[in-house]
């Protein structure tokens, strides 16, 4: 299961920014030790206003737990939005079926 999380930075005081980085460091260390999730990519906008990650989770429970932990830890600092995403190979059969429905 792939989960894409996008974030937008909230306005932060220097103290909040410092606490966010400490919190983020703990999340990164926990993620590295968690066999249920694997970060596939991590990008940040060049202006620092936001970014996105894609995490591969072993199952829906692992994905939900990871996203809940991350959201609770970082929501003071970032606006987060997570969605389950599909790679093209996985999505193509559903795309084709959807097109079949649409075309009669």
N, C-alpha and C. Protein backbone atom coordinates (compact mmCIF):
# COMPACT_ATOMS: atom_id res chain seq x y z
N UNK A 1 0.84 -1.16 0.00
CA UNK A 1 0.00 0.00 0.00
C UNK A 1 0.89 1.23 0.00
N UNK A 2 0.62 2.14 -0.92
CA UNK A 2 1.38 3.38 -1.02
C UNK A 2 0.55 4.54 -0.49
N UNK A 3 1.17 5.38 0.33
CA UNK A 3 0.50 6.55 0.89
C UNK A 3 1.34 7.78 0.56
N UNK A 4 0.71 8.74 -0.12
CA UNK A 4 1.36 10.01 -0.44
C UNK A 4 0.88 11.06 0.56
N UNK A 5 1.81 11.68 1.24
CA UNK A 5 1.49 12.75 2.18
C UNK A 5 2.09 14.05 1.67
N UNK A 6 1.24 15.04 1.51
CA UNK A 6 1.71 16.38 1.16
C UNK A 6 1.60 17.25 2.41
N UNK A 7 2.46 18.24 2.48
CA UNK A 7 2.37 19.16 3.60
C UNK A 7 2.62 20.58 3.14
N UNK A 8 2.04 21.48 3.92
CA UNK A 8 2.23 22.92 3.72
C UNK A 8 2.69 23.47 5.06
N UNK A 9 3.72 24.28 5.02
CA UNK A 9 4.27 24.84 6.26
C UNK A 9 3.32 25.87 6.86
N UNK A 10 3.17 25.82 8.17
CA UNK A 10 2.43 26.85 8.89
C UNK A 10 3.44 27.93 9.30
N UNK A 11 2.99 29.16 9.53
CA UNK A 11 3.92 30.18 10.05
C UNK A 11 4.41 29.74 11.44
N UNK A 12 5.72 29.74 11.63
CA UNK A 12 6.31 29.25 12.88
C UNK A 12 7.24 30.28 13.50
N UNK A 13 7.23 30.33 14.82
CA UNK A 13 8.22 31.12 15.54
C UNK A 13 9.53 30.33 15.51
N UNK A 14 10.65 30.96 15.81
CA UNK A 14 11.92 30.23 15.87
C UNK A 14 11.86 29.05 16.86
N UNK A 15 11.17 29.24 17.98
CA UNK A 15 11.06 28.15 18.96
C UNK A 15 10.24 26.99 18.38
N UNK A 16 9.15 27.30 17.71
CA UNK A 16 8.33 26.26 17.09
C UNK A 16 9.13 25.53 16.01
N UNK A 17 9.87 26.27 15.22
CA UNK A 17 10.67 25.64 14.17
C UNK A 17 11.70 24.67 14.76
N UNK A 18 12.30 25.06 15.87
CA UNK A 18 13.27 24.20 16.54
C UNK A 18 12.59 22.94 17.07
N UNK A 19 11.43 23.11 17.71
CA UNK A 19 10.69 21.94 18.23
C UNK A 19 10.24 21.04 17.09
N UNK A 20 9.83 21.63 15.97
CA UNK A 20 9.41 20.83 14.83
C UNK A 20 10.56 19.97 14.33
N UNK A 21 11.74 20.54 14.22
CA UNK A 21 12.89 19.78 13.73
C UNK A 21 13.26 18.66 14.69
N UNK A 22 13.15 18.90 15.99
CA UNK A 22 13.41 17.84 16.97
C UNK A 22 12.37 16.72 16.82
N UNK A 23 11.12 17.11 16.67
CA UNK A 23 10.04 16.13 16.49
C UNK A 23 10.25 15.35 15.21
N UNK A 24 10.55 16.06 14.14
CA UNK A 24 10.76 15.41 12.84
C UNK A 24 11.92 14.40 12.92
N UNK A 25 12.97 14.77 13.62
CA UNK A 25 14.09 13.85 13.78
C UNK A 25 13.68 12.56 14.48
N UNK A 26 12.81 12.66 15.49
CA UNK A 26 12.32 11.47 16.17
C UNK A 26 11.48 10.61 15.22
N UNK A 27 10.66 11.26 14.42
CA UNK A 27 9.83 10.52 13.44
C UNK A 27 10.72 9.81 12.43
N UNK A 28 11.74 10.48 11.94
CA UNK A 28 12.64 9.87 10.96
C UNK A 28 13.36 8.66 11.57
N UNK A 29 13.80 8.77 12.81
CA UNK A 29 14.48 7.64 13.47
C UNK A 29 13.51 6.48 13.65
N UNK A 30 12.29 6.77 14.04
CA UNK A 30 11.29 5.73 14.23
C UNK A 30 10.95 5.06 12.90
N UNK A 31 10.83 5.85 11.84
CA UNK A 31 10.52 5.31 10.51
C UNK A 31 11.62 4.36 10.05
N UNK A 32 12.85 4.73 10.28
CA UNK A 32 13.98 3.89 9.86
C UNK A 32 13.98 2.54 10.57
N UNK A 33 13.45 2.50 11.78
CA UNK A 33 13.43 1.26 12.56
C UNK A 33 12.15 0.44 12.37
N UNK A 34 11.17 1.01 11.68
CA UNK A 34 9.85 0.38 11.56
C UNK A 34 9.80 -0.53 10.33
N UNK A 35 9.73 -1.84 10.50
CA UNK A 35 9.71 -2.75 9.35
C UNK A 35 8.39 -2.72 8.58
N UNK A 36 7.37 -2.06 9.11
CA UNK A 36 6.06 -2.01 8.46
C UNK A 36 5.94 -0.91 7.43
N UNK A 37 6.87 0.05 7.45
CA UNK A 37 6.81 1.17 6.50
C UNK A 37 8.20 1.43 5.90
N UNK A 38 8.19 1.89 4.67
CA UNK A 38 9.44 2.25 3.98
C UNK A 38 9.19 3.53 3.19
N UNK A 39 10.00 4.55 3.42
CA UNK A 39 9.86 5.79 2.66
C UNK A 39 10.47 5.57 1.28
N UNK A 40 9.66 5.82 0.25
CA UNK A 40 10.13 5.67 -1.13
C UNK A 40 10.69 6.96 -1.68
N UNK A 41 10.11 8.09 -1.25
CA UNK A 41 10.65 9.38 -1.71
C UNK A 41 10.28 10.46 -0.70
N UNK A 42 11.01 11.54 -0.77
CA UNK A 42 10.80 12.69 0.11
C UNK A 42 11.26 13.91 -0.67
N UNK A 43 10.33 14.84 -0.92
CA UNK A 43 10.66 16.05 -1.67
C UNK A 43 10.17 17.27 -0.91
N UNK A 44 10.91 18.36 -1.04
CA UNK A 44 10.51 19.63 -0.45
C UNK A 44 10.53 20.68 -1.55
N UNK A 45 9.58 21.59 -1.52
CA UNK A 45 9.55 22.69 -2.49
C UNK A 45 10.78 23.56 -2.28
N UNK A 46 11.31 24.08 -3.36
CA UNK A 46 12.55 24.86 -3.27
C UNK A 46 12.39 26.14 -2.46
N UNK A 47 11.15 26.60 -2.27
CA UNK A 47 10.94 27.79 -1.44
C UNK A 47 10.64 27.44 0.02
N UNK A 48 10.64 26.14 0.34
CA UNK A 48 10.41 25.71 1.72
C UNK A 48 8.96 25.75 2.16
N UNK A 49 8.05 26.01 1.25
CA UNK A 49 6.64 26.17 1.62
C UNK A 49 5.90 24.87 1.85
N UNK A 50 6.46 23.77 1.40
CA UNK A 50 5.77 22.49 1.55
C UNK A 50 6.59 21.38 0.93
N UNK A 51 5.95 20.22 0.81
CA UNK A 51 6.63 19.09 0.20
C UNK A 51 5.73 17.88 0.19
N UNK A 52 6.34 16.72 -0.09
CA UNK A 52 5.58 15.48 -0.14
C UNK A 52 6.49 14.29 0.09
N UNK A 53 5.87 13.22 0.59
CA UNK A 53 6.55 11.94 0.74
C UNK A 53 5.64 10.84 0.21
N UNK A 54 6.23 9.73 -0.18
CA UNK A 54 5.48 8.52 -0.47
C UNK A 54 6.07 7.42 0.40
N UNK A 55 5.18 6.76 1.14
CA UNK A 55 5.57 5.69 2.04
C UNK A 55 4.90 4.41 1.57
N UNK A 56 5.66 3.32 1.57
CA UNK A 56 5.11 2.00 1.27
C UNK A 56 4.88 1.30 2.60
N UNK A 57 3.63 0.90 2.85
CA UNK A 57 3.27 0.22 4.09
C UNK A 57 2.88 -1.22 3.78
N UNK A 58 3.12 -2.11 4.74
CA UNK A 58 2.84 -3.53 4.51
C UNK A 58 1.35 -3.82 4.46
N UNK A 59 0.53 -2.99 5.11
CA UNK A 59 -0.91 -3.21 5.11
C UNK A 59 -1.63 -1.93 5.54
N UNK A 60 -2.95 -1.90 5.41
CA UNK A 60 -3.68 -0.69 5.78
C UNK A 60 -3.52 -0.29 7.25
N UNK A 61 -3.42 -1.27 8.14
CA UNK A 61 -3.24 -0.94 9.55
C UNK A 61 -1.91 -0.23 9.79
N UNK A 62 -0.85 -0.71 9.17
CA UNK A 62 0.46 -0.08 9.32
C UNK A 62 0.45 1.33 8.74
N UNK A 63 -0.20 1.48 7.59
CA UNK A 63 -0.28 2.81 6.95
C UNK A 63 -1.05 3.77 7.84
N UNK A 64 -2.19 3.33 8.35
CA UNK A 64 -3.01 4.19 9.20
C UNK A 64 -2.28 4.59 10.48
N UNK A 65 -1.61 3.63 11.10
CA UNK A 65 -0.89 3.93 12.34
C UNK A 65 0.24 4.93 12.08
N UNK A 66 0.99 4.72 10.99
CA UNK A 66 2.09 5.63 10.67
C UNK A 66 1.58 7.03 10.40
N UNK A 67 0.52 7.15 9.61
CA UNK A 67 -0.02 8.47 9.28
C UNK A 67 -0.61 9.16 10.51
N UNK A 68 -1.26 8.40 11.38
CA UNK A 68 -1.80 8.99 12.60
C UNK A 68 -0.69 9.50 13.51
N UNK A 69 0.35 8.69 13.71
CA UNK A 69 1.49 9.12 14.53
C UNK A 69 2.11 10.39 13.98
N UNK A 70 2.35 10.39 12.68
CA UNK A 70 2.99 11.54 12.04
C UNK A 70 2.10 12.78 12.13
N UNK A 71 0.82 12.59 11.84
CA UNK A 71 -0.11 13.71 11.89
C UNK A 71 -0.22 14.32 13.28
N UNK A 72 -0.34 13.48 14.29
CA UNK A 72 -0.45 14.00 15.65
C UNK A 72 0.83 14.72 16.08
N UNK A 73 1.97 14.20 15.66
CA UNK A 73 3.25 14.80 16.06
C UNK A 73 3.53 16.12 15.35
N UNK A 74 3.10 16.26 14.09
CA UNK A 74 3.51 17.42 13.29
C UNK A 74 2.40 18.42 12.96
N UNK A 75 1.16 18.14 13.34
CA UNK A 75 0.07 19.01 12.90
C UNK A 75 0.15 20.43 13.47
N UNK A 76 0.86 20.62 14.56
CA UNK A 76 1.06 21.97 15.09
C UNK A 76 1.89 22.82 14.13
N UNK A 77 2.74 22.15 13.36
CA UNK A 77 3.71 22.85 12.52
C UNK A 77 3.38 22.81 11.02
N UNK A 78 2.66 21.78 10.60
CA UNK A 78 2.42 21.56 9.17
C UNK A 78 0.96 21.21 8.92
N UNK A 79 0.43 21.64 7.79
CA UNK A 79 -0.87 21.16 7.32
C UNK A 79 -0.58 19.91 6.49
N UNK A 80 -1.08 18.77 6.95
CA UNK A 80 -0.79 17.49 6.31
C UNK A 80 -2.03 16.94 5.62
N UNK A 81 -1.83 16.29 4.49
CA UNK A 81 -2.90 15.58 3.80
C UNK A 81 -2.31 14.30 3.22
N UNK A 82 -2.94 13.17 3.55
CA UNK A 82 -2.46 11.87 3.09
C UNK A 82 -3.53 11.18 2.26
N UNK A 83 -3.07 10.52 1.20
CA UNK A 83 -3.96 9.77 0.32
C UNK A 83 -3.28 8.48 -0.10
N UNK A 84 -4.09 7.43 -0.19
CA UNK A 84 -3.58 6.19 -0.77
C UNK A 84 -3.40 6.43 -2.26
N UNK A 85 -2.26 6.03 -2.79
CA UNK A 85 -1.98 6.20 -4.22
C UNK A 85 -1.61 4.86 -4.83
N UNK A 86 -1.72 4.78 -6.14
CA UNK A 86 -1.43 3.56 -6.88
C UNK A 86 -0.34 3.82 -7.90
N UNK A 87 0.53 2.84 -8.10
CA UNK A 87 1.47 2.96 -9.20
C UNK A 87 0.70 2.64 -10.49
N UNK A 88 1.26 2.99 -11.62
CA UNK A 88 0.54 2.86 -12.89
C UNK A 88 0.18 1.41 -13.20
N UNK A 89 1.06 0.47 -12.90
CA UNK A 89 0.76 -0.94 -13.17
C UNK A 89 -0.47 -1.40 -12.38
N UNK A 90 -0.58 -0.97 -11.15
CA UNK A 90 -1.71 -1.34 -10.32
C UNK A 90 -2.98 -0.61 -10.75
N UNK A 91 -2.84 0.64 -11.13
CA UNK A 91 -4.00 1.46 -11.48
C UNK A 91 -4.57 1.15 -12.86
N UNK A 92 -3.75 0.68 -13.79
CA UNK A 92 -4.20 0.55 -15.18
C UNK A 92 -5.43 -0.32 -15.36
N UNK A 93 -5.56 -1.49 -14.72
CA UNK A 93 -6.79 -2.26 -14.90
C UNK A 93 -8.04 -1.48 -14.48
N UNK A 94 -7.96 -0.75 -13.38
CA UNK A 94 -9.11 0.04 -12.93
C UNK A 94 -9.38 1.20 -13.88
N UNK A 95 -8.33 1.81 -14.40
CA UNK A 95 -8.51 2.90 -15.37
C UNK A 95 -9.22 2.38 -16.61
N UNK A 96 -8.77 1.24 -17.12
CA UNK A 96 -9.38 0.65 -18.31
C UNK A 96 -10.83 0.27 -18.05
N UNK A 97 -11.12 -0.29 -16.89
CA UNK A 97 -12.50 -0.66 -16.54
C UNK A 97 -13.36 0.59 -16.41
N UNK A 98 -12.84 1.63 -15.80
CA UNK A 98 -13.57 2.89 -15.70
C UNK A 98 -13.88 3.49 -17.06
N UNK A 99 -12.90 3.42 -17.96
CA UNK A 99 -13.13 3.91 -19.33
C UNK A 99 -14.17 3.07 -20.05
N UNK A 100 -14.16 1.76 -19.79
CA UNK A 100 -15.16 0.89 -20.38
C UNK A 100 -16.57 1.30 -19.92
N UNK A 101 -16.71 1.56 -18.63
CA UNK A 101 -18.01 2.02 -18.10
C UNK A 101 -18.43 3.33 -18.75
N UNK A 102 -17.50 4.27 -18.84
CA UNK A 102 -17.80 5.59 -19.38
C UNK A 102 -18.18 5.55 -20.86
N UNK A 103 -17.60 4.61 -21.59
CA UNK A 103 -17.84 4.54 -23.04
C UNK A 103 -18.97 3.59 -23.40
N UNK A 104 -19.70 3.11 -22.41
CA UNK A 104 -20.88 2.29 -22.69
C UNK A 104 -20.60 0.88 -22.78
